Amino acid sequence: MPQQENVRLYTLSTCSHCRATKKFLDESNIEYTFTDVDLLTGDERKAMLDEVMKFNPQCSFPTILIGDKVIVGFREDEIRKALKI
């Protein structure tokens, strides 16, 4: 089985597209890490938003990193292609 790309999500706890992305990855048995940016506060939140803006200047959610590929929004076809599933 090929080595899985590193998957990192920047999400909001209240975002339906973010929840759909997590559900899709869970159902596909894909390991990932995520941060619900809206649950952070103060400097931690500002630092995380600065990090998101490096990958997605619009700072919209979800912002998904799969290896060196950035996908903005729940785009199942793009996610599948990036993960080769």
PDB file of N, CA and C in Angstrom:
ATOM      1  N   MET A   1       0.846  -1.180   0.000  1.00  0.00           N
ATOM      2  CA  MET A   1       0.000   0.000   0.000  1.00  0.00           C
ATOM      3  C   MET A   1       0.895   1.249   0.000  1.00  0.00           C
ATOM      4  N   PRO A   2       0.585   2.248  -0.852  1.00  0.00           N
ATOM      5  CA  PRO A   2       1.449   3.423  -0.900  1.00  0.00           C
ATOM      6  C   PRO A   2       1.399   4.229   0.392  1.00  0.00           C
ATOM      7  N   GLN A   3       2.503   4.909   0.669  1.00  0.00           N
ATOM      8  CA  GLN A   3       2.566   5.750   1.855  1.00  0.00           C
ATOM      9  C   GLN A   3       1.579   6.905   1.693  1.00  0.00           C
ATOM     10  N   GLN A   4       0.775   7.128   2.719  1.00  0.00           N
ATOM     11  CA  GLN A   4      -0.203   8.208   2.657  1.00  0.00           C
ATOM     12  C   GLN A   4       0.483   9.557   2.812  1.00  0.00           C
ATOM     13  N   GLU A   5       0.037  10.518   2.017  1.00  0.00           N
ATOM     14  CA  GLU A   5       0.507  11.900   2.169  1.00  0.00           C
ATOM     15  C   GLU A   5       0.070  12.415   3.536  1.00  0.00           C
ATOM     16  N   ASN A   6       0.803  13.364   4.068  1.00  0.00           N
ATOM     17  CA  ASN A   6       0.421  14.013   5.312  1.00  0.00           C
ATOM     18  C   ASN A   6      -0.813  14.874   5.048  1.00  0.00           C
ATOM     19  N   VAL A   7      -1.849  14.723   5.864  1.00  0.00           N
ATOM     20  CA  VAL A   7      -3.100  15.465   5.666  1.00  0.00           C
ATOM     21  C   VAL A   7      -3.340  16.359   6.875  1.00  0.00           C
ATOM     22  N   ARG A   8      -3.533  17.650   6.603  1.00  0.00           N
ATOM     23  CA  ARG A   8      -3.732  18.655   7.654  1.00  0.00           C
ATOM     24  C   ARG A   8      -4.934  19.502   7.282  1.00  0.00           C
ATOM     25  N   LEU A   9      -5.872  19.646   8.218  1.00  0.00           N
ATOM     26  CA  LEU A   9      -7.064  20.455   7.985  1.00  0.00           C
ATOM     27  C   LEU A   9      -7.073  21.661   8.903  1.00  0.00           C
ATOM     28  N   TYR A  10      -7.467  22.782   8.350  1.00  0.00           N
ATOM     29  CA  TYR A  10      -7.791  23.977   9.138  1.00  0.00           C
ATOM     30  C   TYR A  10      -9.285  24.156   8.994  1.00  0.00           C
ATOM     31  N   THR A  11      -9.999  24.092  10.116  1.00  0.00           N
ATOM     32  CA  THR A  11     -11.455  24.034  10.072  1.00  0.00           C
ATOM     33  C   THR A  11     -12.082  24.987  11.085  1.00  0.00           C
ATOM     34  N   LEU A  12     -13.401  25.103  10.982  1.00  0.00           N
ATOM     35  CA  LEU A  12     -14.206  25.799  11.984  1.00  0.00           C
ATOM     36  C   LEU A  12     -15.162  24.782  12.582  1.00  0.00           C
ATOM     37  N   SER A  13     -15.390  24.845  13.871  1.00  0.00           N
ATOM     38  CA  SER A  13     -16.241  23.848  14.542  1.00  0.00           C
ATOM     39  C   SER A  13     -17.690  23.922  14.064  1.00  0.00           C
ATOM     40  N   THR A  14     -18.107  25.073  13.538  1.00  0.00           N
ATOM     41  CA  THR A  14     -19.506  25.271  13.141  1.00  0.00           C
ATOM     42  C   THR A  14     -19.742  25.100  11.642  1.00  0.00           C
ATOM     43  N   CYS A  15     -18.702  24.739  10.896  1.00  0.00           N
ATOM     44  CA  CYS A  15     -18.755  24.727   9.423  1.00  0.00           C
ATOM     45  C   CYS A  15     -19.211  23.368   8.891  1.00  0.00           C
ATOM     46  N   SER A  16     -20.313  23.363   8.139  1.00  0.00           N
ATOM     47  CA  SER A  16     -20.834  22.097   7.600  1.00  0.00           C
ATOM     48  C   SER A  16     -19.877  21.485   6.583  1.00  0.00           C
ATOM     49  N   HIS A  17     -19.189  22.299   5.789  1.00  0.00           N
ATOM     50  CA  HIS A  17     -18.228  21.766   4.817  1.00  0.00           C
ATOM     51  C   HIS A  17     -17.027  21.152   5.524  1.00  0.00           C
ATOM     52  N   CYS A  18     -16.641  21.752   6.647  1.00  0.00           N
ATOM     53  CA  CYS A  18     -15.537  21.197   7.446  1.00  0.00           C
ATOM     54  C   CYS A  18     -15.936  19.830   8.006  1.00  0.00           C
ATOM     55  N   ARG A  19     -17.154  19.751   8.541  1.00  0.00           N
ATOM     56  CA  ARG A  19     -17.640  18.471   9.085  1.00  0.00           C
ATOM     57  C   ARG A  19     -17.721  17.416   7.984  1.00  0.00           C
ATOM     58  N   ALA A  20     -18.181  17.815   6.803  1.00  0.00           N
ATOM     59  CA  ALA A  20     -18.278  16.871   5.683  1.00  0.00           C
ATOM     60  C   ALA A  20     -16.899  16.367   5.276  1.00  0.00           C
ATOM     61  N   THR A  21     -15.901  17.243   5.310  1.00  0.00           N
ATOM     62  CA  THR A  21     -14.530  16.844   4.968  1.00  0.00           C
ATOM     63  C   THR A  21     -14.014  15.820   5.970  1.00  0.00           C
ATOM     64  N   LYS A  22     -14.193  16.082   7.260  1.00  0.00           N
ATOM     65  CA  LYS A  22     -13.739  15.141   8.300  1.00  0.00           C
ATOM     66  C   LYS A  22     -14.454  13.801   8.154  1.00  0.00           C
ATOM     67  N   LYS A  23     -15.764  13.852   7.910  1.00  0.00           N
ATOM     68  CA  LYS A  23     -16.553  12.617   7.763  1.00  0.00           C
ATOM     69  C   LYS A  23     -16.040  11.801   6.569  1.00  0.00           C
ATOM     70  N   PHE A  24     -15.803  12.487   5.449  1.00  0.00           N
ATOM     71  CA  PHE A  24     -15.292  11.801   4.255  1.00  0.00           C
ATOM     72  C   PHE A  24     -13.945  11.146   4.541  1.00  0.00           C
ATOM     73  N   LEU A  25     -13.034  11.866   5.189  1.00  0.00           N
ATOM     74  CA  LEU A  25     -11.714  11.305   5.496  1.00  0.00           C
ATOM     75  C   LEU A  25     -11.829  10.141   6.476  1.00  0.00           C
ATOM     76  N   ASP A  26     -12.700  10.279   7.485  1.00  0.00           N
ATOM     77  CA  ASP A  26     -12.921   9.184   8.440  1.00  0.00           C
ATOM     78  C   ASP A  26     -13.435   7.944   7.717  1.00  0.00           C
ATOM     79  N   GLU A  27     -14.433   8.125   6.855  1.00  0.00           N
ATOM     80  CA  GLU A  27     -15.030   6.984   6.139  1.00  0.00           C
ATOM     81  C   GLU A  27     -14.045   6.354   5.157  1.00  0.00           C
ATOM     82  N   SER A  28     -13.060   7.151   4.708  1.00  0.00           N
ATOM     83  CA  SER A  28     -12.040   6.646   3.780  1.00  0.00           C
ATOM     84  C   SER A  28     -10.816   6.098   4.516  1.00  0.00           C
ATOM     85  N   ASN A  29     -10.898   6.064   5.870  1.00  0.00           N
ATOM     86  CA  ASN A  29      -9.787   5.585   6.704  1.00  0.00           C
ATOM     87  C   ASN A  29      -8.491   6.344   6.437  1.00  0.00           C
ATOM     88  N   ILE A  30      -8.621   7.667   6.272  1.00  0.00           N
ATOM     89  CA  ILE A  30      -7.465   8.527   6.056  1.00  0.00           C
ATOM     90  C   ILE A  30      -7.119   9.193   7.381  1.00  0.00           C
ATOM     91  N   GLU A  31      -5.858   9.088   7.780  1.00  0.00           N
ATOM     92  CA  GLU A  31      -5.405   9.762   8.996  1.00  0.00           C
ATOM     93  C   GLU A  31      -5.175  11.232   8.686  1.00  0.00           C
ATOM     94  N   TYR A  32      -5.561  12.097   9.609  1.00  0.00           N
ATOM     95  CA  TYR A  32      -5.356  13.527   9.417  1.00  0.00           C
ATOM     96  C   TYR A  32      -5.285  14.218  10.763  1.00  0.00           C
ATOM     97  N   THR A  33      -4.732  15.413  10.740  1.00  0.00           N
ATOM     98  CA  THR A  33      -4.766  16.269  11.922  1.00  0.00           C
ATOM     99  C   THR A  33      -5.586  17.494  11.546  1.00  0.00           C
ATOM    100  N   PHE A  34      -6.221  18.097  12.543  1.00  0.00           N
ATOM    101  CA  PHE A  34      -7.024  19.275  12.253  1.00  0.00           C
ATOM    102  C   PHE A  34      -6.977  20.234  13.425  1.00  0.00           C
ATOM    103  N   THR A  35      -7.278  21.488  13.117  1.00  0.00           N
ATOM    104  CA  THR A  35      -7.423  22.516  14.133  1.00  0.00           C
ATOM    105  C   THR A  35      -8.709  23.265  13.848  1.00  0.00           C
ATOM    106  N   ASP A  36      -9.610  23.295  14.832  1.00  0.00           N
ATOM    107  CA  ASP A  36     -10.804  24.134  14.743  1.00  0.00           C
ATOM    108  C   ASP A  36     -10.377  25.539  15.161  1.00  0.00           C
ATOM    109  N   VAL A  37     -10.095  26.366  14.166  1.00  0.00           N
ATOM    110  CA  VAL A  37      -9.498  27.682  14.410  1.00  0.00           C
ATOM    111  C   VAL A  37     -10.401  28.554  15.283  1.00  0.00           C
ATOM    112  N   ASP A  38     -11.717  28.414  15.126  1.00  0.00           N
ATOM    113  CA  ASP A  38     -12.643  29.265  15.901  1.00  0.00           C
ATOM    114  C   ASP A  38     -12.645  28.940  17.391  1.00  0.00           C
ATOM    115  N   LEU A  39     -12.077  27.797  17.774  1.00  0.00           N
ATOM    116  CA  LEU A  39     -12.034  27.437  19.192  1.00  0.00           C
ATOM    117  C   LEU A  39     -10.761  27.950  19.876  1.00  0.00           C
ATOM    118  N   LEU A  40      -9.844  28.490  19.082  1.00  0.00           N
ATOM    119  CA  LEU A  40      -8.629  29.068  19.650  1.00  0.00           C
ATOM    120  C   LEU A  40      -8.914  30.499  20.100  1.00  0.00           C
ATOM    121  N   THR A  41      -8.044  31.039  20.937  1.00  0.00           N
ATOM    122  CA  THR A  41      -8.221  32.412  21.402  1.00  0.00           C
ATOM    123  C   THR A  41      -6.901  33.163  21.340  1.00  0.00           C
ATOM    124  N   GLY A  42      -6.998  34.470  21.341  1.00  0.00           N
ATOM    125  CA  GLY A  42      -5.842  35.345  21.487  1.00  0.00           C
ATOM    126  C   GLY A  42      -4.741  35.100  20.480  1.00  0.00           C
ATOM    127  N   ASP A  43      -3.502  35.073  20.988  1.00  0.00           N
ATOM    128  CA  ASP A  43      -2.332  34.944  20.119  1.00  0.00           C
ATOM    129  C   ASP A  43      -2.321  33.617  19.373  1.00  0.00           C
ATOM    130  N   GLU A  44      -2.812  32.569  20.025  1.00  0.00           N
ATOM    131  CA  GLU A  44      -2.846  31.250  19.386  1.00  0.00           C
ATOM    132  C   GLU A  44      -3.733  31.306  18.135  1.00  0.00           C
ATOM    133  N   ARG A  45      -4.898  31.952  18.256  1.00  0.00           N
ATOM    134  CA  ARG A  45      -5.812  32.075  17.121  1.00  0.00           C
ATOM    135  C   ARG A  45      -5.179  32.925  16.019  1.00  0.00           C
ATOM    136  N   LYS A  46      -4.573  34.044  16.397  1.00  0.00           N
ATOM    137  CA  LYS A  46      -3.954  34.926  15.400  1.00  0.00           C
ATOM    138  C   LYS A  46      -2.849  34.182  14.658  1.00  0.00           C
ATOM    139  N   ALA A  47      -2.023  33.441  15.377  1.00  0.00           N
ATOM    140  CA  ALA A  47      -0.930  32.688  14.755  1.00  0.00           C
ATOM    141  C   ALA A  47      -1.482  31.648  13.780  1.00  0.00           C
ATOM    142  N   MET A  48      -2.566  30.970  14.166  1.00  0.00           N
ATOM    143  CA  MET A  48      -3.153  29.944  13.299  1.00  0.00           C
ATOM    144  C   MET A  48      -3.763  30.583  12.051  1.00  0.00           C
ATOM    145  N   LEU A  49      -4.427  31.736  12.199  1.00  0.00           N
ATOM    146  CA  LEU A  49      -4.992  32.430  11.030  1.00  0.00           C
ATOM    147  C   LEU A  49      -3.881  32.891  10.088  1.00  0.00           C
ATOM    148  N   ASP A  50      -2.755  33.349  10.648  1.00  0.00           N
ATOM    149  CA  ASP A  50      -1.610  33.725   9.809  1.00  0.00           C
ATOM    150  C   ASP A  50      -1.100  32.517   9.030  1.00  0.00           C
ATOM    151  N   GLU A  51      -1.089  31.348   9.695  1.00  0.00           N
ATOM    152  CA  GLU A  51      -0.642  30.113   9.041  1.00  0.00           C
ATOM    153  C   GLU A  51      -1.593  29.747   7.899  1.00  0.00           C
ATOM    154  N   VAL A  52      -2.907  29.815   8.154  1.00  0.00           N
ATOM    155  CA  VAL A  52      -3.899  29.498   7.114  1.00  0.00           C
ATOM    156  C   VAL A  52      -3.707  30.429   5.917  1.00  0.00           C
ATOM    157  N   MET A  53      -3.480  31.715   6.171  1.00  0.00           N
ATOM    158  CA  MET A  53      -3.372  32.691   5.084  1.00  0.00           C
ATOM    159  C   MET A  53      -2.156  32.457   4.196  1.00  0.00           C
ATOM    160  N   LYS A  54      -1.134  31.757   4.710  1.00  0.00           N
ATOM    161  CA  LYS A  54       0.014  31.400   3.874  1.00  0.00           C
ATOM    162  C   LYS A  54      -0.424  30.453   2.754  1.00  0.00           C
ATOM    163  N   PHE A  55      -1.361  29.579   3.065  1.00  0.00           N
ATOM    164  CA  PHE A  55      -1.827  28.574   2.104  1.00  0.00           C
ATOM    165  C   PHE A  55      -3.063  29.053   1.339  1.00  0.00           C
ATOM    166  N   ASN A  56      -3.883  29.886   1.989  1.00  0.00           N
ATOM    167  CA  ASN A  56      -5.169  30.304   1.442  1.00  0.00           C
ATOM    168  C   ASN A  56      -5.408  31.762   1.835  1.00  0.00           C
ATOM    169  N   PRO A  57      -4.974  32.706   0.970  1.00  0.00           N
ATOM    170  CA  PRO A  57      -5.076  34.130   1.315  1.00  0.00           C
ATOM    171  C   PRO A  57      -6.495  34.592   1.653  1.00  0.00           C
ATOM    172  N   GLN A  58      -7.532  33.905   1.145  1.00  0.00           N
ATOM    173  CA  GLN A  58      -8.909  34.262   1.484  1.00  0.00           C
ATOM    174  C   GLN A  58      -9.275  33.835   2.902  1.00  0.00           C
ATOM    175  N   CYS A  59      -8.456  32.958   3.463  1.00  0.00           N
ATOM    176  CA  CYS A  59      -8.670  32.470   4.830  1.00  0.00           C
ATOM    177  C   CYS A  59     -10.077  31.901   4.997  1.00  0.00           C
ATOM    178  N   SER A  60     -10.477  31.043   4.033  1.00  0.00           N
ATOM    179  CA  SER A  60     -11.783  30.393   4.101  1.00  0.00           C
ATOM    180  C   SER A  60     -11.588  28.940   4.535  1.00  0.00           C
ATOM    181  N   PHE A  61     -12.667  28.300   4.894  1.00  0.00           N
ATOM    182  CA  PHE A  61     -12.586  26.973   5.504  1.00  0.00           C
ATOM    183  C   PHE A  61     -13.522  25.993   4.826  1.00  0.00           C
ATOM    184  N   PRO A  62     -13.158  24.709   4.798  1.00  0.00           N
ATOM    185  CA  PRO A  62     -11.886  24.186   5.277  1.00  0.00           C
ATOM    186  C   PRO A  62     -10.745  24.499   4.309  1.00  0.00           C
ATOM    187  N   THR A  63      -9.564  24.658   4.864  1.00  0.00           N
ATOM    188  CA  THR A  63      -8.333  24.688   4.080  1.00  0.00           C
ATOM    189  C   THR A  63      -7.652  23.357   4.359  1.00  0.00           C
ATOM    190  N   ILE A  64      -7.392  22.611   3.289  1.00  0.00           N
ATOM    191  CA  ILE A  64      -6.898  21.241   3.399  1.00  0.00           C
ATOM    192  C   ILE A  64      -5.518  21.160   2.757  1.00  0.00           C
ATOM    193  N   LEU A  65      -4.555  20.634   3.501  1.00  0.00           N
ATOM    194  CA  LEU A  65      -3.219  20.395   2.951  1.00  0.00           C
ATOM    195  C   LEU A  65      -3.030  18.895   2.829  1.00  0.00           C
ATOM    196  N   ILE A  66      -2.720  18.453   1.613  1.00  0.00           N
ATOM    197  CA  ILE A  66      -2.427  17.040   1.371  1.00  0.00           C
ATOM    198  C   ILE A  66      -1.050  17.021   0.729  1.00  0.00           C
ATOM    199  N   GLY A  67      -0.045  16.649   1.511  1.00  0.00           N
ATOM    200  CA  GLY A  67       1.331  16.786   1.045  1.00  0.00           C
ATOM    201  C   GLY A  67       1.588  18.261   0.796  1.00  0.00           C
ATOM    202  N   ASP A  68       1.992  18.613  -0.427  1.00  0.00           N
ATOM    203  CA  ASP A  68       2.232  20.025  -0.743  1.00  0.00           C
ATOM    204  C   ASP A  68       1.073  20.632  -1.536  1.00  0.00           C
ATOM    205  N   LYS A  69      -0.037  19.909  -1.642  1.00  0.00           N
ATOM    206  CA  LYS A  69      -1.211  20.402  -2.376  1.00  0.00           C
ATOM    207  C   LYS A  69      -2.188  21.065  -1.408  1.00  0.00           C
ATOM    208  N   VAL A  70      -2.735  22.201  -1.831  1.00  0.00           N
ATOM    209  CA  VAL A  70      -3.717  22.926  -1.027  1.00  0.00           C
ATOM    210  C   VAL A  70      -5.071  22.831  -1.717  1.00  0.00           C
ATOM    211  N   ILE A  71      -6.097  22.408  -0.960  1.00  0.00           N
ATOM    212  CA  ILE A  71      -7.467  22.351  -1.467  1.00  0.00           C
ATOM    213  C   ILE A  71      -8.305  23.206  -0.533  1.00  0.00           C
ATOM    214  N   VAL A  72      -9.062  24.119  -1.112  1.00  0.00           N
ATOM    215  CA  VAL A  72      -9.920  24.983  -0.308  1.00  0.00           C
ATOM    216  C   VAL A  72     -11.365  24.553  -0.522  1.00  0.00           C
ATOM    217  N   GLY A  73     -12.044  24.242   0.576  1.00  0.00           N
ATOM    218  CA  GLY A  73     -13.430  23.777   0.486  1.00  0.00           C
ATOM    219  C   GLY A  73     -13.485  22.265   0.406  1.00  0.00           C
ATOM    220  N   PHE A  74     -14.690  21.733   0.599  1.00  0.00           N
ATOM    221  CA  PHE A  74     -14.880  20.280   0.517  1.00  0.00           C
ATOM    222  C   PHE A  74     -15.085  19.912  -0.942  1.00  0.00           C
ATOM    223  N   ARG A  75     -13.995  19.545  -1.602  1.00  0.00           N
ATOM    224  CA  ARG A  75     -14.009  19.158  -3.013  1.00  0.00           C
ATOM    225  C   ARG A  75     -13.590  17.694  -3.071  1.00  0.00           C
ATOM    226  N   GLU A  76     -14.592  16.819  -2.960  1.00  0.00           N
ATOM    227  CA  GLU A  76     -14.307  15.390  -2.824  1.00  0.00           C
ATOM    228  C   GLU A  76     -13.444  14.862  -3.963  1.00  0.00           C
ATOM    229  N   ASP A  77     -13.738  15.260  -5.192  1.00  0.00           N
ATOM    230  CA  ASP A  77     -12.950  14.757  -6.336  1.00  0.00           C
ATOM    231  C   ASP A  77     -11.484  15.164  -6.229  1.00  0.00           C
ATOM    232  N   GLU A  78     -11.228  16.417  -5.839  1.00  0.00           N
ATOM    233  CA  GLU A  78      -9.844  16.889  -5.699  1.00  0.00           C
ATOM    234  C   GLU A  78      -9.149  16.175  -4.551  1.00  0.00           C
ATOM    235  N   ILE A  79      -9.879  15.956  -3.457  1.00  0.00           N
ATOM    236  CA  ILE A  79      -9.302  15.247  -2.307  1.00  0.00           C
ATOM    237  C   ILE A  79      -8.947  13.821  -2.697  1.00  0.00           C
ATOM    238  N   ARG A  80      -9.875  13.145  -3.372  1.00  0.00           N
ATOM    239  CA  ARG A  80      -9.613  11.769  -3.834  1.00  0.00           C
ATOM    240  C   ARG A  80      -8.367  11.714  -4.736  1.00  0.00           C
ATOM    241  N   LYS A  81      -8.284  12.660  -5.660  1.00  0.00           N
ATOM    242  CA  LYS A  81      -7.159  12.693  -6.596  1.00  0.00           C
ATOM    243  C   LYS A  81      -5.846  12.910  -5.836  1.00  0.00           C
ATOM    244  N   ALA A  82      -5.845  13.864  -4.899  1.00  0.00           N
ATOM    245  CA  ALA A  82      -4.627  14.164  -4.141  1.00  0.00           C
ATOM    246  C   ALA A  82      -4.203  12.974  -3.285  1.00  0.00           C
ATOM    247  N   LEU A  83      -5.189  12.226  -2.772  1.00  0.00           N
ATOM    248  CA  LEU A  83      -4.888  11.060  -1.925  1.00  0.00           C
ATOM    249  C   LEU A  83      -4.715   9.777  -2.728  1.00  0.00           C
ATOM    250  N   LYS A  84      -5.024   9.868  -4.026  1.00  0.00           N
ATOM    251  CA  LYS A  84      -4.966   8.687  -4.913  1.00  0.00           C
ATOM    252  C   LYS A  84      -5.876   7.580  -4.410  1.00  0.00           C
ATOM    253  N   ILE A  85      -7.127   7.956  -4.065  1.00  0.00           N
ATOM    254  CA  ILE A  85      -8.102   6.934  -3.633  1.00  0.00           C
ATOM    255  C   ILE A  85      -9.319   6.943  -4.545  1.00  0.00           C
TER     256      ILE A  85
END
